[in-house]
C-alpha atoms as a PDB file:
ATOM      1  CA  UNK A   1      -6.823  -3.608  42.187  1.00  0.00           C
ATOM      2  CA  UNK A   2      -5.113  -2.252  38.958  1.00  0.00           C
ATOM      3  CA  UNK A   3      -3.828   0.678  37.827  1.00  0.00           C
ATOM      4  CA  UNK A   4      -5.893   3.558  36.344  1.00  0.00           C
ATOM      5  CA  UNK A   5      -4.706   5.507  32.851  1.00  0.00           C
ATOM      6  CA  UNK A   6      -6.268   8.894  33.029  1.00  0.00           C
ATOM      7  CA  UNK A   7      -5.509   9.622  29.574  1.00  0.00           C
ATOM      8  CA  UNK A   8      -7.918   6.424  28.798  1.00  0.00           C
ATOM      9  CA  UNK A   9     -10.127   7.244  31.708  1.00  0.00           C
ATOM     10  CA  UNK A  10     -10.539  11.485  30.321  1.00  0.00           C
ATOM     11  CA  UNK A  11     -11.236   9.910  26.354  1.00  0.00           C
ATOM     12  CA  UNK A  12     -14.257   8.391  27.918  1.00  0.00           C
ATOM     13  CA  UNK A  13     -16.222  11.091  27.598  1.00  0.00           C
ATOM     14  CA  UNK A  14     -16.329  14.776  26.510  1.00  0.00           C
ATOM     15  CA  UNK A  15     -19.023  16.789  28.416  1.00  0.00           C
ATOM     16  CA  UNK A  16     -18.304  19.729  30.377  1.00  0.00           C
ATOM     17  CA  UNK A  17     -19.550  20.132  34.807  1.00  0.00           C
ATOM     18  CA  UNK A  18     -20.335  16.437  34.817  1.00  0.00           C
ATOM     19  CA  UNK A  19     -17.418  15.108  37.043  1.00  0.00           C
ATOM     20  CA  UNK A  20     -17.086  11.095  37.445  1.00  0.00           C
ATOM     21  CA  UNK A  21     -15.915   9.036  39.637  1.00  0.00           C
ATOM     22  CA  UNK A  22     -12.846   7.295  38.718  1.00  0.00           C
ATOM     23  CA  UNK A  23     -11.878   5.949  42.459  1.00  0.00           C
ATOM     24  CA  UNK A  24     -12.407   5.804  46.467  1.00  0.00           C
ATOM     25  CA  UNK A  25      -9.878   6.269  49.052  1.00  0.00           C
ATOM     26  CA  UNK A  26     -11.441   6.086  52.727  1.00  0.00           C
ATOM     27  CA  UNK A  27     -14.047   7.573  52.046  1.00  0.00           C
ATOM     28  CA  UNK A  28     -13.066  10.399  49.252  1.00  0.00           C
ATOM     29  CA  UNK A  29     -13.582  10.751  46.093  1.00  0.00           C
ATOM     30  CA  UNK A  30     -11.212  10.902  42.762  1.00  0.00           C
ATOM     31  CA  UNK A  31     -13.454  12.555  40.475  1.00  0.00           C
ATOM     32  CA  UNK A  32     -12.837  12.955  37.138  1.00  0.00           C
ATOM     33  CA  UNK A  33     -14.233  16.032  35.120  1.00  0.00           C
ATOM     34  CA  UNK A  34     -13.585  18.438  32.046  1.00  0.00           C
ATOM     35  CA  UNK A  35     -14.488  22.249  32.298  1.00  0.00           C
ATOM     36  CA  UNK A  36     -15.022  25.127  30.043  1.00  0.00           C
ATOM     37  CA  UNK A  37     -16.401  28.307  30.330  1.00  0.00           C
ATOM     38  CA  UNK A  38     -17.239  29.778  33.698  1.00  0.00           C
ATOM     39  CA  UNK A  39     -19.206  27.423  36.710  1.00  0.00           C
ATOM     40  CA  UNK A  40     -21.111  28.847  39.665  1.00  0.00           C
ATOM     41  CA  UNK A  41     -20.126  30.669  42.532  1.00  0.00           C
ATOM     42  CA  UNK A  42     -20.217  28.501  45.656  1.00  0.00           C
ATOM     43  CA  UNK A  43     -18.934  27.196  49.072  1.00  0.00           C
ATOM     44  CA  UNK A  44     -19.206  23.795  50.806  1.00  0.00           C
ATOM     45  CA  UNK A  45     -19.311  24.765  54.729  1.00  0.00           C
ATOM     46  CA  UNK A  46     -17.860  21.414  55.860  1.00  0.00           C
ATOM     47  CA  UNK A  47     -15.126  19.802  52.979  1.00  0.00           C
ATOM     48  CA  UNK A  48     -11.818  20.935  51.737  1.00  0.00           C
ATOM     49  CA  UNK A  49     -11.858  20.670  47.441  1.00  0.00           C
ATOM     50  CA  UNK A  50      -8.304  19.674  45.834  1.00  0.00           C
ATOM     51  CA  UNK A  51      -8.391  20.801  41.962  1.00  0.00           C
ATOM     52  CA  UNK A  52      -5.507  19.419  40.492  1.00  0.00           C
ATOM     53  CA  UNK A  53      -4.987  19.751  36.732  1.00  0.00           C
ATOM     54  CA  UNK A  54      -3.924  17.483  34.218  1.00  0.00           C
ATOM     55  CA  UNK A  55      -4.462  19.250  31.210  1.00  0.00           C
ATOM     56  CA  UNK A  56      -4.744  22.459  29.795  1.00  0.00           C
ATOM     57  CA  UNK A  57      -5.048  25.680  32.136  1.00  0.00           C
ATOM     58  CA  UNK A  58      -7.997  27.122  34.981  1.00  0.00           C
ATOM     59  CA  UNK A  59      -8.677  29.227  36.996  1.00  0.00           C
ATOM     60  CA  UNK A  60     -10.361  29.348  40.783  1.00  0.00           C
ATOM     61  CA  UNK A  61     -11.959  32.976  41.143  1.00  0.00           C
ATOM     62  CA  UNK A  62     -12.180  33.661  44.792  1.00  0.00           C
ATOM     63  CA  UNK A  63     -13.916  37.281  45.710  1.00  0.00           C
ATOM     64  CA  UNK A  64     -10.839  39.237  46.515  1.00  0.00           C
ATOM     65  CA  UNK A  65      -8.370  37.558  43.769  1.00  0.00           C
ATOM     66  CA  UNK A  66      -8.361  35.138  40.988  1.00  0.00           C
ATOM     67  CA  UNK A  67      -5.589  31.817  40.692  1.00  0.00           C
ATOM     68  CA  UNK A  68      -4.611  30.110  37.478  1.00  0.00           C
ATOM     69  CA  UNK A  69      -3.398  26.877  36.993  1.00  0.00           C
ATOM     70  CA  UNK A  70      -1.713  25.256  35.030  1.00  0.00           C
ATOM     71  CA  UNK A  71      -0.869  20.996  34.037  1.00  0.00           C
ATOM     72  CA  UNK A  72       0.371  19.919  37.016  1.00  0.00           C
ATOM     73  CA  UNK A  73      -1.000  22.018  39.525  1.00  0.00           C
ATOM     74  CA  UNK A  74      -3.391  21.963  42.574  1.00  0.00           C
ATOM     75  CA  UNK A  75      -5.289  24.327  44.391  1.00  0.00           C
ATOM     76  CA  UNK A  76      -7.103  23.278  48.000  1.00  0.00           C
ATOM     77  CA  UNK A  77      -9.982  25.531  48.407  1.00  0.00           C
ATOM     78  CA  UNK A  78     -11.051  25.647  52.432  1.00  0.00           C
ATOM     79  CA  UNK A  79     -13.827  24.617  53.184  1.00  0.00           C
ATOM     80  CA  UNK A  80     -16.534  27.570  53.776  1.00  0.00           C
ATOM     81  CA  UNK A  81     -14.281  29.005  51.195  1.00  0.00           C
ATOM     82  CA  UNK A  82     -16.627  30.714  48.507  1.00  0.00           C
ATOM     83  CA  UNK A  83     -15.399  29.672  44.526  1.00  0.00           C
ATOM     84  CA  UNK A  84     -15.694  29.518  41.101  1.00  0.00           C
ATOM     85  CA  UNK A  85     -13.353  27.412  38.539  1.00  0.00           C
ATOM     86  CA  UNK A  86     -13.438  28.404  34.599  1.00  0.00           C
ATOM     87  CA  UNK A  87     -11.517  27.685  32.077  1.00  0.00           C
ATOM     88  CA  UNK A  88     -11.231  29.688  29.065  1.00  0.00           C
ATOM     89  CA  UNK A  89     -10.777  25.854  26.552  1.00  0.00           C
ATOM     90  CA  UNK A  90     -10.958  22.621  27.623  1.00  0.00           C
ATOM     91  CA  UNK A  91      -9.377  21.851  30.725  1.00  0.00           C
ATOM     92  CA  UNK A  92      -9.318  17.849  32.324  1.00  0.00           C
ATOM     93  CA  UNK A  93      -9.478  18.194  35.720  1.00  0.00           C
ATOM     94  CA  UNK A  94      -9.273  15.881  38.814  1.00  0.00           C
ATOM     95  CA  UNK A  95     -11.096  16.511  41.676  1.00  0.00           C
ATOM     96  CA  UNK A  96     -10.120  14.875  45.492  1.00  0.00           C
ATOM     97  CA  UNK A  97     -12.836  15.752  47.936  1.00  0.00           C
ATOM     98  CA  UNK A  98     -14.816  13.765  49.815  1.00  0.00           C
ATOM     99  CA  UNK A  99     -17.927  11.841  49.063  1.00  0.00           C
ATOM    100  CA  UNK A 100     -19.901  13.302  50.230  1.00  0.00           C
ATOM    101  CA  UNK A 101     -19.510  16.525  48.140  1.00  0.00           C
ATOM    102  CA  UNK A 102     -22.025  18.175  45.991  1.00  0.00           C
ATOM    103  CA  UNK A 103     -20.893  19.934  42.918  1.00  0.00           C
ATOM    104  CA  UNK A 104     -22.895  23.092  43.285  1.00  0.00           C
ATOM    105  CA  UNK A 105     -22.384  23.627  47.248  1.00  0.00           C
ATOM    106  CA  UNK A 106     -24.450  23.797  49.664  1.00  0.00           C
ATOM    107  CA  UNK A 107     -26.997  26.378  48.753  1.00  0.00           C
ATOM    108  CA  UNK A 108     -30.180  24.495  46.517  1.00  0.00           C
ATOM    109  CA  UNK A 109     -29.668  23.061  43.774  1.00  0.00           C
ATOM    110  CA  UNK A 110     -29.089  24.002  39.962  1.00  0.00           C
ATOM    111  CA  UNK A 111     -28.895  22.614  36.236  1.00  0.00           C
ATOM    112  CA  UNK A 112     -25.615  21.850  36.962  1.00  0.00           C
ATOM    113  CA  UNK A 113     -25.900  19.567  39.874  1.00  0.00           C
ATOM    114  CA  UNK A 114     -24.986  15.845  39.620  1.00  0.00           C
ATOM    115  CA  UNK A 115     -26.536  13.964  41.931  1.00  0.00           C
ATOM    116  CA  UNK A 116     -25.129  11.086  40.960  1.00  0.00           C
ATOM    117  CA  UNK A 117     -21.650  10.390  39.824  1.00  0.00           C
ATOM    118  CA  UNK A 118     -21.130   8.330  36.718  1.00  0.00           C
ATOM    119  CA  UNK A 119     -18.116   5.585  37.599  1.00  0.00           C
ATOM    120  CA  UNK A 120     -16.110   5.404  34.653  1.00  0.00           C
END
């Protein structure tokens, strides 16, 4: 049981769209990632996801609208909702989601699919 400094954790990596495992609470992952550009459209049939913006700005596109988020804001994407996160400039995100979540959703694996999370 030790505290976690988010700035120190984010400083440990520089790649985009590669979530890292920062902690686990009751079967729920706390994942950190840096994003830039647009991700793939995808959905998670059985899991909700929570995106917390730590640094920068991001957008969450849905088929009918786009939400813009700034540092200190979060959005919960309900299960089954098709979405596409993105950011024009590098953005640091904390994801809170079940450990079962695959980053590219329920469809076929792509080059962006992360099968094992690196723990930081």
